[in-house]
PDB file of N, CA and C in Angstrom:
ATOM      1  N   MET A   1      27.502 193.082 195.430  1.00  0.00           N
ATOM      2  CA  MET A   1      28.201 194.344 195.400  1.00  0.00           C
ATOM      3  C   MET A   1      27.389 195.345 194.616  1.00  0.00           C
ATOM      4  N   HIS A   2      26.835 194.996 193.465  1.00  0.00           N
ATOM      5  CA  HIS A   2      26.067 195.842 192.632  1.00  0.00           C
ATOM      6  C   HIS A   2      24.817 196.280 193.390  1.00  0.00           C
ATOM      7  N   ARG A   3      24.208 195.428 194.196  1.00  0.00           N
ATOM      8  CA  ARG A   3      23.014 195.772 194.887  1.00  0.00           C
ATOM      9  C   ARG A   3      23.280 196.889 195.903  1.00  0.00           C
ATOM     10  N   ILE A   4      24.428 196.798 196.608  1.00  0.00           N
ATOM     11  CA  ILE A   4      24.758 197.824 197.565  1.00  0.00           C
ATOM     12  C   ILE A   4      24.957 199.124 196.870  1.00  0.00           C
ATOM     13  N   ALA A   5      25.597 199.174 195.712  1.00  0.00           N
ATOM     14  CA  ALA A   5      25.819 200.394 194.985  1.00  0.00           C
ATOM     15  C   ALA A   5      24.523 201.002 194.564  1.00  0.00           C
ATOM     16  N   LYS A   6      23.535 200.199 194.107  1.00  0.00           N
ATOM     17  CA  LYS A   6      22.259 200.667 193.685  1.00  0.00           C
ATOM     18  C   LYS A   6      21.499 201.243 194.860  1.00  0.00           C
ATOM     19  N   ILE A   7      21.583 200.584 195.996  1.00  0.00           N
ATOM     20  CA  ILE A   7      20.863 201.083 197.211  1.00  0.00           C
ATOM     21  C   ILE A   7      21.499 202.422 197.606  1.00  0.00           C
ATOM     22  N   SER A   8      22.830 202.536 197.607  1.00  0.00           N
ATOM     23  CA  SER A   8      23.509 203.773 197.926  1.00  0.00           C
ATOM     24  C   SER A   8      23.130 204.897 197.053  1.00  0.00           C
ATOM     25  N   ILE A   9      23.058 204.626 195.736  1.00  0.00           N
ATOM     26  CA  ILE A   9      22.665 205.703 194.811  1.00  0.00           C
ATOM     27  C   ILE A   9      21.182 206.088 195.009  1.00  0.00           C
ATOM     28  N   SER A  10      20.349 205.137 195.300  1.00  0.00           N
ATOM     29  CA  SER A  10      18.927 205.421 195.563  1.00  0.00           C
ATOM     30  C   SER A  10      18.801 206.316 196.803  1.00  0.00           C
ATOM     31  N   LEU A  11      19.561 206.012 197.859  1.00  0.00           N
ATOM     32  CA  LEU A  11      19.511 206.836 199.044  1.00  0.00           C
ATOM     33  C   LEU A  11      19.984 208.204 198.872  1.00  0.00           C
ATOM     34  N   ILE A  12      21.076 208.450 198.059  1.00  0.00           N
ATOM     35  CA  ILE A  12      21.534 209.714 197.725  1.00  0.00           C
ATOM     36  C   ILE A  12      20.497 210.521 196.982  1.00  0.00           C
ATOM     37  N   ALA A  13      19.925 209.889 195.964  1.00  0.00           N
ATOM     38  CA  ALA A  13      18.852 210.536 195.198  1.00  0.00           C
ATOM     39  C   ALA A  13      17.681 210.870 196.017  1.00  0.00           C
ATOM     40  N   LEU A  14      17.276 210.018 196.872  1.00  0.00           N
ATOM     41  CA  LEU A  14      16.087 210.269 197.798  1.00  0.00           C
ATOM     42  C   LEU A  14      16.407 211.453 198.719  1.00  0.00           C
ATOM     43  N   THR A  15      17.636 211.503 199.244  1.00  0.00           N
ATOM     44  CA  THR A  15      18.018 212.623 200.118  1.00  0.00           C
ATOM     45  C   THR A  15      17.970 213.928 199.368  1.00  0.00           C
ATOM     46  N   ALA A  16      18.488 213.946 198.150  1.00  0.00           N
ATOM     47  CA  ALA A  16      18.435 215.191 197.344  1.00  0.00           C
ATOM     48  C   ALA A  16      17.011 215.594 197.037  1.00  0.00           C
ATOM     49  N   PHE A  17      16.211 214.624 196.658  1.00  0.00           N
ATOM     50  CA  PHE A  17      14.765 214.888 196.335  1.00  0.00           C
ATOM     51  C   PHE A  17      14.070 215.442 197.562  1.00  0.00           C
ATOM     52  N   THR A  18      14.294 214.837 198.754  1.00  0.00           N
ATOM     53  CA  THR A  18      13.683 215.266 199.930  1.00  0.00           C
ATOM     54  C   THR A  18      14.049 216.725 200.298  1.00  0.00           C
ATOM     55  N   ALA A  19      15.309 217.067 200.071  1.00  0.00           N
ATOM     56  CA  ALA A  19      15.744 218.402 200.351  1.00  0.00           C
ATOM     57  C   ALA A  19      15.074 219.399 199.475  1.00  0.00           C
ATOM     58  N   VAL A  20      14.862 219.121 198.170  1.00  0.00           N
ATOM     59  CA  VAL A  20      14.182 219.985 197.269  1.00  0.00           C
ATOM     60  C   VAL A  20      12.696 220.118 197.674  1.00  0.00           C
ATOM     61  N   MET A  21      12.057 219.038 198.117  1.00  0.00           N
ATOM     62  CA  MET A  21      10.644 219.051 198.488  1.00  0.00           C
ATOM     63  C   MET A  21      10.403 219.794 199.817  1.00  0.00           C
ATOM     64  N   ALA A  22      11.472 219.970 200.567  1.00  0.00           N
ATOM     65  CA  ALA A  22      11.222 220.615 201.924  1.00  0.00           C
ATOM     66  C   ALA A  22      11.130 222.136 201.753  1.00  0.00           C
ATOM     67  N   GLY A  23      11.483 222.692 200.615  1.00  0.00           N
ATOM     68  CA  GLY A  23      11.407 224.156 200.391  1.00  0.00           C
ATOM     69  C   GLY A  23       9.977 224.580 200.368  1.00  0.00           C
ATOM     70  N   GLN A  24       9.780 225.880 200.612  1.00  0.00           N
ATOM     71  CA  GLN A  24       8.464 226.495 200.558  1.00  0.00           C
ATOM     72  C   GLN A  24       8.348 227.528 199.451  1.00  0.00           C
ATOM     73  N   ASN A  25       7.235 227.685 198.821  1.00  0.00           N
ATOM     74  CA  ASN A  25       7.043 228.722 197.790  1.00  0.00           C
ATOM     75  C   ASN A  25       7.265 230.106 198.266  1.00  0.00           C
ATOM     76  N   THR A  26       7.067 230.306 199.558  1.00  0.00           N
ATOM     77  CA  THR A  26       7.304 231.658 200.165  1.00  0.00           C
ATOM     78  C   THR A  26       8.705 231.874 200.620  1.00  0.00           C
ATOM     79  N   ALA A  27       9.619 230.860 200.473  1.00  0.00           N
ATOM     80  CA  ALA A  27      10.981 231.041 200.894  1.00  0.00           C
ATOM     81  C   ALA A  27      11.666 232.133 200.062  1.00  0.00           C
ATOM     82  N   PRO A  28      12.525 232.935 200.647  1.00  0.00           N
ATOM     83  CA  PRO A  28      13.152 233.993 199.823  1.00  0.00           C
ATOM     84  C   PRO A  28      14.066 233.294 198.773  1.00  0.00           C
ATOM     85  N   PRO A  29      14.111 233.921 197.571  1.00  0.00           N
ATOM     86  CA  PRO A  29      14.880 233.361 196.535  1.00  0.00           C
ATOM     87  C   PRO A  29      16.394 233.532 196.841  1.00  0.00           C
ATOM     88  N   VAL A  30      17.215 232.629 196.321  1.00  0.00           N
ATOM     89  CA  VAL A  30      18.602 232.740 196.464  1.00  0.00           C
ATOM     90  C   VAL A  30      19.130 233.899 195.592  1.00  0.00           C
ATOM     91  N   ASN A  31      19.890 234.794 196.104  1.00  0.00           N
ATOM     92  CA  ASN A  31      20.387 235.934 195.322  1.00  0.00           C
ATOM     93  C   ASN A  31      21.695 236.406 196.028  1.00  0.00           C
ATOM     94  N   ASN A  32      22.775 236.399 195.331  1.00  0.00           N
ATOM     95  CA  ASN A  32      24.028 236.759 195.960  1.00  0.00           C
ATOM     96  C   ASN A  32      24.455 238.196 195.703  1.00  0.00           C
ATOM     97  N   GLY A  33      23.681 239.012 194.966  1.00  0.00           N
ATOM     98  CA  GLY A  33      24.131 240.320 194.567  1.00  0.00           C
ATOM     99  C   GLY A  33      23.244 241.375 195.205  1.00  0.00           C
ATOM    100  N   ARG A  34      22.616 242.159 194.303  1.00  0.00           N
ATOM    101  CA  ARG A  34      21.806 243.315 194.727  1.00  0.00           C
ATOM    102  C   ARG A  34      20.577 242.862 195.548  1.00  0.00           C
ATOM    103  N   LYS A  35      20.232 243.651 196.507  1.00  0.00           N
ATOM    104  CA  LYS A  35      19.074 243.396 197.326  1.00  0.00           C
ATOM    105  C   LYS A  35      17.785 243.522 196.542  1.00  0.00           C
ATOM    106  N   ILE A  36      16.881 242.612 196.746  1.00  0.00           N
ATOM    107  CA  ILE A  36      15.521 242.698 196.090  1.00  0.00           C
ATOM    108  C   ILE A  36      14.711 243.640 196.946  1.00  0.00           C
ATOM    109  N   THR A  37      14.126 244.648 196.309  1.00  0.00           N
ATOM    110  CA  THR A  37      13.280 245.567 197.088  1.00  0.00           C
ATOM    111  C   THR A  37      11.803 245.335 196.883  1.00  0.00           C
ATOM    112  N   SER A  38      11.413 244.661 195.818  1.00  0.00           N
ATOM    113  CA  SER A  38      10.022 244.353 195.538  1.00  0.00           C
ATOM    114  C   SER A  38       9.961 243.082 194.664  1.00  0.00           C
ATOM    115  N   ARG A  39       9.240 242.112 195.195  1.00  0.00           N
ATOM    116  CA  ARG A  39       9.123 240.878 194.416  1.00  0.00           C
ATOM    117  C   ARG A  39       7.693 240.512 194.159  1.00  0.00           C
ATOM    118  N   VAL A  40       7.424 239.887 193.048  1.00  0.00           N
ATOM    119  CA  VAL A  40       6.096 239.386 192.663  1.00  0.00           C
ATOM    120  C   VAL A  40       6.223 237.863 192.775  1.00  0.00           C
ATOM    121  N   GLN A  41       5.236 237.250 193.530  1.00  0.00           N
ATOM    122  CA  GLN A  41       5.249 235.786 193.630  1.00  0.00           C
ATOM    123  C   GLN A  41       4.835 235.165 192.314  1.00  0.00           C
ATOM    124  N   PRO A  42       5.478 234.112 191.901  1.00  0.00           N
ATOM    125  CA  PRO A  42       5.077 233.480 190.626  1.00  0.00           C
ATOM    126  C   PRO A  42       3.736 232.811 190.768  1.00  0.00           C
ATOM    127  N   ALA A  43       3.009 232.816 189.698  1.00  0.00           N
ATOM    128  CA  ALA A  43       1.702 232.134 189.654  1.00  0.00           C
ATOM    129  C   ALA A  43       2.002 230.631 189.591  1.00  0.00           C
ATOM    130  N   TYR A  44       1.243 229.866 190.311  1.00  0.00           N
ATOM    131  CA  TYR A  44       1.402 228.384 190.324  1.00  0.00           C
ATOM    132  C   TYR A  44       0.571 227.870 189.114  1.00  0.00           C
ATOM    133  N   PRO A  45       1.175 227.404 188.073  1.00  0.00           N
ATOM    134  CA  PRO A  45       0.433 227.001 186.828  1.00  0.00           C
ATOM    135  C   PRO A  45      -0.638 225.967 187.099  1.00  0.00           C
ATOM    136  N   GLU A  46      -1.749 226.022 186.407  1.00  0.00           N
ATOM    137  CA  GLU A  46      -2.889 225.057 186.612  1.00  0.00           C
ATOM    138  C   GLU A  46      -2.390 223.624 186.419  1.00  0.00           C
ATOM    139  N   LEU A  47      -1.610 223.358 185.385  1.00  0.00           N
ATOM    140  CA  LEU A  47      -1.067 221.991 185.189  1.00  0.00           C
ATOM    141  C   LEU A  47      -0.347 221.516 186.337  1.00  0.00           C
ATOM    142  N   ALA A  48       0.542 222.374 186.880  1.00  0.00           N
ATOM    143  CA  ALA A  48       1.325 221.984 188.080  1.00  0.00           C
ATOM    144  C   ALA A  48       0.453 221.754 189.273  1.00  0.00           C
ATOM    145  N   LYS A  49      -0.634 222.523 189.402  1.00  0.00           N
ATOM    146  CA  LYS A  49      -1.586 222.211 190.502  1.00  0.00           C
ATOM    147  C   LYS A  49      -2.184 220.873 190.357  1.00  0.00           C
ATOM    148  N   ARG A  50      -2.680 220.552 189.166  1.00  0.00           N
ATOM    149  CA  ARG A  50      -3.352 219.264 188.920  1.00  0.00           C
ATOM    150  C   ARG A  50      -2.400 218.121 189.172  1.00  0.00           C
ATOM    151  N   MET A  51      -1.149 218.301 188.835  1.00  0.00           N
ATOM    152  CA  MET A  51      -0.149 217.226 188.963  1.00  0.00           C
ATOM    153  C   MET A  51       0.533 217.260 190.348  1.00  0.00           C
ATOM    154  N   ARG A  52       0.159 218.271 191.168  1.00  0.00           N
ATOM    155  CA  ARG A  52       0.842 218.457 192.497  1.00  0.00           C
ATOM    156  C   ARG A  52       2.364 218.501 192.267  1.00  0.00           C
ATOM    157  N   LEU A  53       2.754 219.255 191.238  1.00  0.00           N
ATOM    158  CA  LEU A  53       4.110 219.351 190.856  1.00  0.00           C
ATOM    159  C   LEU A  53       4.840 220.326 191.672  1.00  0.00           C
ATOM    160  N   GLN A  54       6.063 220.051 192.024  1.00  0.00           N
ATOM    161  CA  GLN A  54       6.888 220.991 192.765  1.00  0.00           C
ATOM    162  C   GLN A  54       8.309 220.975 192.169  1.00  0.00           C
ATOM    163  N   GLY A  55       9.004 222.021 192.452  1.00  0.00           N
ATOM    164  CA  GLY A  55      10.424 222.042 191.959  1.00  0.00           C
ATOM    165  C   GLY A  55      11.003 223.380 192.150  1.00  0.00           C
ATOM    166  N   VAL A  56      12.252 223.445 191.720  1.00  0.00           N
ATOM    167  CA  VAL A  56      13.102 224.684 191.868  1.00  0.00           C
ATOM    168  C   VAL A  56      13.394 225.166 190.436  1.00  0.00           C
ATOM    169  N   VAL A  57      13.274 226.524 190.251  1.00  0.00           N
ATOM    170  CA  VAL A  57      13.614 227.149 188.945  1.00  0.00           C
ATOM    171  C   VAL A  57      14.726 228.179 189.215  1.00  0.00           C
ATOM    172  N   LYS A  58      15.769 228.114 188.471  1.00  0.00           N
ATOM    173  CA  LYS A  58      16.842 229.089 188.569  1.00  0.00           C
ATOM    174  C   LYS A  58      16.782 230.053 187.432  1.00  0.00           C
ATOM    175  N   VAL A  59      16.747 231.325 187.716  1.00  0.00           N
ATOM    176  CA  VAL A  59      16.606 232.388 186.714  1.00  0.00           C
ATOM    177  C   VAL A  59      17.749 233.390 186.808  1.00  0.00           C
ATOM    178  N   GLU A  60      18.302 233.738 185.656  1.00  0.00           N
ATOM    179  CA  GLU A  60      19.308 234.782 185.571  1.00  0.00           C
ATOM    180  C   GLU A  60      18.590 236.099 185.142  1.00  0.00           C
ATOM    181  N   ALA A  61      18.775 237.130 185.876  1.00  0.00           N
ATOM    182  CA  ALA A  61      18.114 238.432 185.573  1.00  0.00           C
ATOM    183  C   ALA A  61      19.203 239.442 185.302  1.00  0.00           C
ATOM    184  N   VAL A  62      19.072 240.185 184.214  1.00  0.00           N
ATOM    185  CA  VAL A  62      19.886 241.326 183.953  1.00  0.00           C
ATOM    186  C   VAL A  62      19.163 242.549 184.536  1.00  0.00           C
ATOM    187  N   VAL A  63      19.773 243.244 185.455  1.00  0.00           N
ATOM    188  CA  VAL A  63      19.135 244.317 186.193  1.00  0.00           C
ATOM    189  C   VAL A  63      19.808 245.664 185.817  1.00  0.00           C
ATOM    190  N   ARG A  64      18.955 246.565 185.422  1.00  0.00           N
ATOM    191  CA  ARG A  64      19.422 247.947 185.058  1.00  0.00           C
ATOM    192  C   ARG A  64      19.970 248.703 186.294  1.00  0.00           C
ATOM    193  N   ALA A  65      20.650 249.797 186.017  1.00  0.00           N
ATOM    194  CA  ALA A  65      21.184 250.591 187.138  1.00  0.00           C
ATOM    195  C   ALA A  65      20.100 251.122 188.067  1.00  0.00           C
ATOM    196  N   ASN A  66      18.859 251.391 187.513  1.00  0.00           N
ATOM    197  CA  ASN A  66      17.745 251.861 188.315  1.00  0.00           C
ATOM    198  C   ASN A  66      17.093 250.769 189.178  1.00  0.00           C
ATOM    199  N   GLY A  67      17.446 249.516 188.963  1.00  0.00           N
ATOM    200  CA  GLY A  67      16.876 248.375 189.760  1.00  0.00           C
ATOM    201  C   GLY A  67      15.841 247.603 189.006  1.00  0.00           C
ATOM    202  N   SER A  68      15.356 248.043 187.867  1.00  0.00           N
ATOM    203  CA  SER A  68      14.326 247.251 187.130  1.00  0.00           C
ATOM    204  C   SER A  68      14.991 246.165 186.342  1.00  0.00           C
ATOM    205  N   VAL A  69      14.290 245.135 186.054  1.00  0.00           N
ATOM    206  CA  VAL A  69      14.798 243.913 185.378  1.00  0.00           C
ATOM    207  C   VAL A  69      14.703 244.266 183.858  1.00  0.00           C
ATOM    208  N   LYS A  70      15.844 244.178 183.198  1.00  0.00           N
ATOM    209  CA  LYS A  70      15.913 244.343 181.784  1.00  0.00           C
ATOM    210  C   LYS A  70      15.523 243.062 180.967  1.00  0.00           C
ATOM    211  N   SER A  71      16.018 241.956 181.443  1.00  0.00           N
ATOM    212  CA  SER A  71      15.733 240.642 180.792  1.00  0.00           C
ATOM    213  C   SER A  71      15.935 239.531 181.783  1.00  0.00           C
ATOM    214  N   THR A  72      15.338 238.359 181.449  1.00  0.00           N
ATOM    215  CA  THR A  72      15.504 237.171 182.231  1.00  0.00           C
ATOM    216  C   THR A  72      15.895 236.017 181.311  1.00  0.00           C
ATOM    217  N   HIS A  73      16.591 235.072 181.876  1.00  0.00           N
ATOM    218  CA  HIS A  73      16.964 233.819 181.150  1.00  0.00           C
ATOM    219  C   HIS A  73      16.894 232.699 182.143  1.00  0.00           C
ATOM    220  N   VAL A  74      16.114 231.673 181.843  1.00  0.00           N
ATOM    221  CA  VAL A  74      15.988 230.474 182.728  1.00  0.00           C
ATOM    222  C   VAL A  74      17.214 229.684 182.584  1.00  0.00           C
ATOM    223  N   LEU A  75      17.806 229.320 183.739  1.00  0.00           N
ATOM    224  CA  LEU A  75      18.980 228.471 183.744  1.00  0.00           C
ATOM    225  C   LEU A  75      18.716 226.968 184.030  1.00  0.00           C
ATOM    226  N   GLY A  76      17.504 226.745 184.564  1.00  0.00           N
ATOM    227  CA  GLY A  76      17.148 225.394 184.845  1.00  0.00           C
ATOM    228  C   GLY A  76      15.801 225.264 185.622  1.00  0.00           C
ATOM    229  N   GLY A  77      15.165 224.200 185.502  1.00  0.00           N
ATOM    230  CA  GLY A  77      13.955 223.937 186.262  1.00  0.00           C
ATOM    231  C   GLY A  77      12.946 223.153 185.386  1.00  0.00           C
ATOM    232  N   ASN A  78      11.854 222.753 186.036  1.00  0.00           N
ATOM    233  CA  ASN A  78      10.855 222.001 185.410  1.00  0.00           C
ATOM    234  C   ASN A  78      10.178 222.844 184.318  1.00  0.00           C
ATOM    235  N   PRO A  79      10.011 222.325 183.111  1.00  0.00           N
ATOM    236  CA  PRO A  79       9.451 223.109 182.009  1.00  0.00           C
ATOM    237  C   PRO A  79       8.037 223.630 182.289  1.00  0.00           C
ATOM    238  N   VAL A  80       7.311 222.962 183.152  1.00  0.00           N
ATOM    239  CA  VAL A  80       5.941 223.446 183.504  1.00  0.00           C
ATOM    240  C   VAL A  80       6.026 224.695 184.358  1.00  0.00           C
ATOM    241  N   LEU A  81       7.102 224.879 185.102  1.00  0.00           N
ATOM    242  CA  LEU A  81       7.214 225.988 186.061  1.00  0.00           C
ATOM    243  C   LEU A  81       8.044 227.191 185.515  1.00  0.00           C
ATOM    244  N   VAL A  82       8.893 226.981 184.476  1.00  0.00           N
ATOM    245  CA  VAL A  82       9.856 228.018 184.149  1.00  0.00           C
ATOM    246  C   VAL A  82       9.240 229.316 183.635  1.00  0.00           C
ATOM    247  N   ASP A  83       8.196 229.262 182.868  1.00  0.00           N
ATOM    248  CA  ASP A  83       7.576 230.468 182.352  1.00  0.00           C
ATOM    249  C   ASP A  83       7.007 231.339 183.466  1.00  0.00           C
ATOM    250  N   SER A  84       6.397 230.750 184.392  1.00  0.00           N
ATOM    251  CA  SER A  84       5.786 231.462 185.546  1.00  0.00           C
ATOM    252  C   SER A  84       6.910 232.100 186.344  1.00  0.00           C
ATOM    253  N   ALA A  85       8.010 231.428 186.567  1.00  0.00           N
ATOM    254  CA  ALA A  85       9.113 231.977 187.357  1.00  0.00           C
ATOM    255  C   ALA A  85       9.784 233.131 186.600  1.00  0.00           C
ATOM    256  N   ALA A  86      10.051 233.004 185.329  1.00  0.00           N
ATOM    257  CA  ALA A  86      10.666 234.085 184.552  1.00  0.00           C
ATOM    258  C   ALA A  86       9.718 235.329 184.452  1.00  0.00           C
ATOM    259  N   ASP A  87       8.447 235.117 184.339  1.00  0.00           N
ATOM    260  CA  ASP A  87       7.505 236.166 184.263  1.00  0.00           C
ATOM    261  C   ASP A  87       7.522 236.960 185.641  1.00  0.00           C
ATOM    262  N   ALA A  88       7.508 236.220 186.733  1.00  0.00           N
ATOM    263  CA  ALA A  88       7.499 236.910 188.017  1.00  0.00           C
ATOM    264  C   ALA A  88       8.796 237.694 188.246  1.00  0.00           C
ATOM    265  N   VAL A  89       9.934 237.095 187.966  1.00  0.00           N
ATOM    266  CA  VAL A  89      11.231 237.755 188.176  1.00  0.00           C
ATOM    267  C   VAL A  89      11.350 239.013 187.303  1.00  0.00           C
ATOM    268  N   SER A  90      10.712 238.991 186.064  1.00  0.00           N
ATOM    269  CA  SER A  90      10.799 240.169 185.224  1.00  0.00           C
ATOM    270  C   SER A  90      10.101 241.352 185.818  1.00  0.00           C
ATOM    271  N   LYS A  91       9.238 241.151 186.769  1.00  0.00           N
ATOM    272  CA  LYS A  91       8.512 242.283 187.429  1.00  0.00           C
ATOM    273  C   LYS A  91       9.101 242.684 188.744  1.00  0.00           C
ATOM    274  N   TRP A  92      10.183 242.048 189.157  1.00  0.00           N
ATOM    275  CA  TRP A  92      10.869 242.400 190.426  1.00  0.00           C
ATOM    276  C   TRP A  92      11.603 243.714 190.356  1.00  0.00           C
ATOM    277  N   LYS A  93      11.881 244.338 191.473  1.00  0.00           N
ATOM    278  CA  LYS A  93      12.706 245.524 191.526  1.00  0.00           C
ATOM    279  C   LYS A  93      13.855 245.256 192.553  1.00  0.00           C
ATOM    280  N   PHE A  94      15.069 245.677 192.127  1.00  0.00           N
ATOM    281  CA  PHE A  94      16.240 245.535 192.945  1.00  0.00           C
ATOM    282  C   PHE A  94      16.715 246.928 193.364  1.00  0.00           C
ATOM    283  N   GLU A  95      17.654 246.932 194.352  1.00  0.00           N
ATOM    284  CA  GLU A  95      18.138 248.245 194.776  1.00  0.00           C
ATOM    285  C   GLU A  95      18.982 248.843 193.609  1.00  0.00           C
ATOM    286  N   PRO A  96      18.953 250.172 193.540  1.00  0.00           N
ATOM    287  CA  PRO A  96      19.695 250.815 192.478  1.00  0.00           C
ATOM    288  C   PRO A  96      21.217 250.508 192.633  1.00  0.00           C
ATOM    289  N   GLY A  97      21.948 250.518 191.491  1.00  0.00           N
ATOM    290  CA  GLY A  97      23.344 250.288 191.492  1.00  0.00           C
ATOM    291  C   GLY A  97      24.054 251.209 190.539  1.00  0.00           C
ATOM    292  N   PRO A  98      25.327 251.054 190.487  1.00  0.00           N
ATOM    293  CA  PRO A  98      26.162 251.940 189.586  1.00  0.00           C
ATOM    294  C   PRO A  98      25.977 251.606 188.075  1.00  0.00           C
ATOM    295  N   GLY A  99      25.465 250.431 187.781  1.00  0.00           N
ATOM    296  CA  GLY A  99      25.374 250.003 186.379  1.00  0.00           C
ATOM    297  C   GLY A  99      24.582 248.674 186.324  1.00  0.00           C
ATOM    298  N   GLU A 100      24.529 248.126 185.138  1.00  0.00           N
ATOM    299  CA  GLU A 100      23.802 246.830 184.966  1.00  0.00           C
ATOM    300  C   GLU A 100      24.561 245.754 185.664  1.00  0.00           C
ATOM    301  N   THR A 101      23.816 244.784 186.240  1.00  0.00           N
ATOM    302  CA  THR A 101      24.397 243.647 186.817  1.00  0.00           C
ATOM    303  C   THR A 101      23.545 242.416 186.421  1.00  0.00           C
ATOM    304  N   THR A 102      24.130 241.236 186.604  1.00  0.00           N
ATOM    305  CA  THR A 102      23.464 240.028 186.341  1.00  0.00           C
ATOM    306  C   THR A 102      23.268 239.324 187.685  1.00  0.00           C
ATOM    307  N   GLU A 103      22.002 239.043 188.049  1.00  0.00           N
ATOM    308  CA  GLU A 103      21.672 238.434 189.299  1.00  0.00           C
ATOM    309  C   GLU A 103      21.081 237.042 189.027  1.00  0.00           C
ATOM    310  N   ILE A 104      21.448 236.073 189.884  1.00  0.00           N
ATOM    311  CA  ILE A 104      20.921 234.715 189.752  1.00  0.00           C
ATOM    312  C   ILE A 104      19.902 234.550 190.943  1.00  0.00           C
ATOM    313  N   VAL A 105      18.664 234.173 190.639  1.00  0.00           N
ATOM    314  CA  VAL A 105      17.714 233.924 191.701  1.00  0.00           C
ATOM    315  C   VAL A 105      17.140 232.528 191.546  1.00  0.00           C
ATOM    316  N   GLN A 106      16.713 231.966 192.626  1.00  0.00           N
ATOM    317  CA  GLN A 106      16.156 230.610 192.605  1.00  0.00           C
ATOM    318  C   GLN A 106      14.796 230.621 193.263  1.00  0.00           C
ATOM    319  N   LEU A 107      13.725 230.123 192.587  1.00  0.00           N
ATOM    320  CA  LEU A 107      12.424 230.096 193.145  1.00  0.00           C
ATOM    321  C   LEU A 107      11.993 228.655 193.398  1.00  0.00           C
ATOM    322  N   THR A 108      11.312 228.412 194.509  1.00  0.00           N
ATOM    323  CA  THR A 108      10.868 227.054 194.819  1.00  0.00           C
ATOM    324  C   THR A 108       9.361 227.017 194.733  1.00  0.00           C
ATOM    325  N   PHE A 109       8.872 226.079 193.972  1.00  0.00           N
ATOM    326  CA  PHE A 109       7.415 225.864 193.885  1.00  0.00           C
ATOM    327  C   PHE A 109       7.011 224.640 194.663  1.00  0.00           C
ATOM    328  N   VAL A 110       6.003 224.790 195.500  1.00  0.00           N
ATOM    329  CA  VAL A 110       5.434 223.743 196.305  1.00  0.00           C
ATOM    330  C   VAL A 110       3.926 223.740 196.165  1.00  0.00           C
ATOM    331  N   PRO A 111       3.276 222.556 195.969  1.00  0.00           N
ATOM    332  CA  PRO A 111       1.840 222.467 195.838  1.00  0.00           C
ATOM    333  C   PRO A 111       1.207 223.088 197.044  1.00  0.00           C
ATOM    334  N   GLN A 112       0.069 223.744 196.775  1.00  0.00           N
ATOM    335  CA  GLN A 112      -0.649 224.449 197.891  1.00  0.00           C
ATOM    336  C   GLN A 112      -1.982 223.851 198.092  1.00  0.00           C
TER     337      GLN A 112
END
C-alpha cells in the first residue's frame, strides 16, 4: 500500500514539474489587473545558464497612477532567478489608472 502511495505522489510531482517546464520565457506574464504597455524581458543569469536552470518567479509590483512601477516584491521563485525578474518588472510600464494599484505578475524562465 505504501508503494502505491509513493508512486502516486511521484506521478503528481512529475506532472506539476512537467507543466512548469512546458512554459516559455517569451510567454506573457500572468497579470489580472492593469494592462502592461511596455515590458522588459528579464536577463537570464549566467549561473542559471550554466545550470540549465528554469523556473517561475512571481513578483508583486506597486504601480503608480501614471503606470510606472514604484516598487517590487518577490513572492516566490528560484533564488537564482528572482533578482533578474524583479529588476525587469521594475522597468515595466502599465496603463495609467486612477491611483496606485498592486499587480501580481509571473515570469517563466526557460534555458535557451
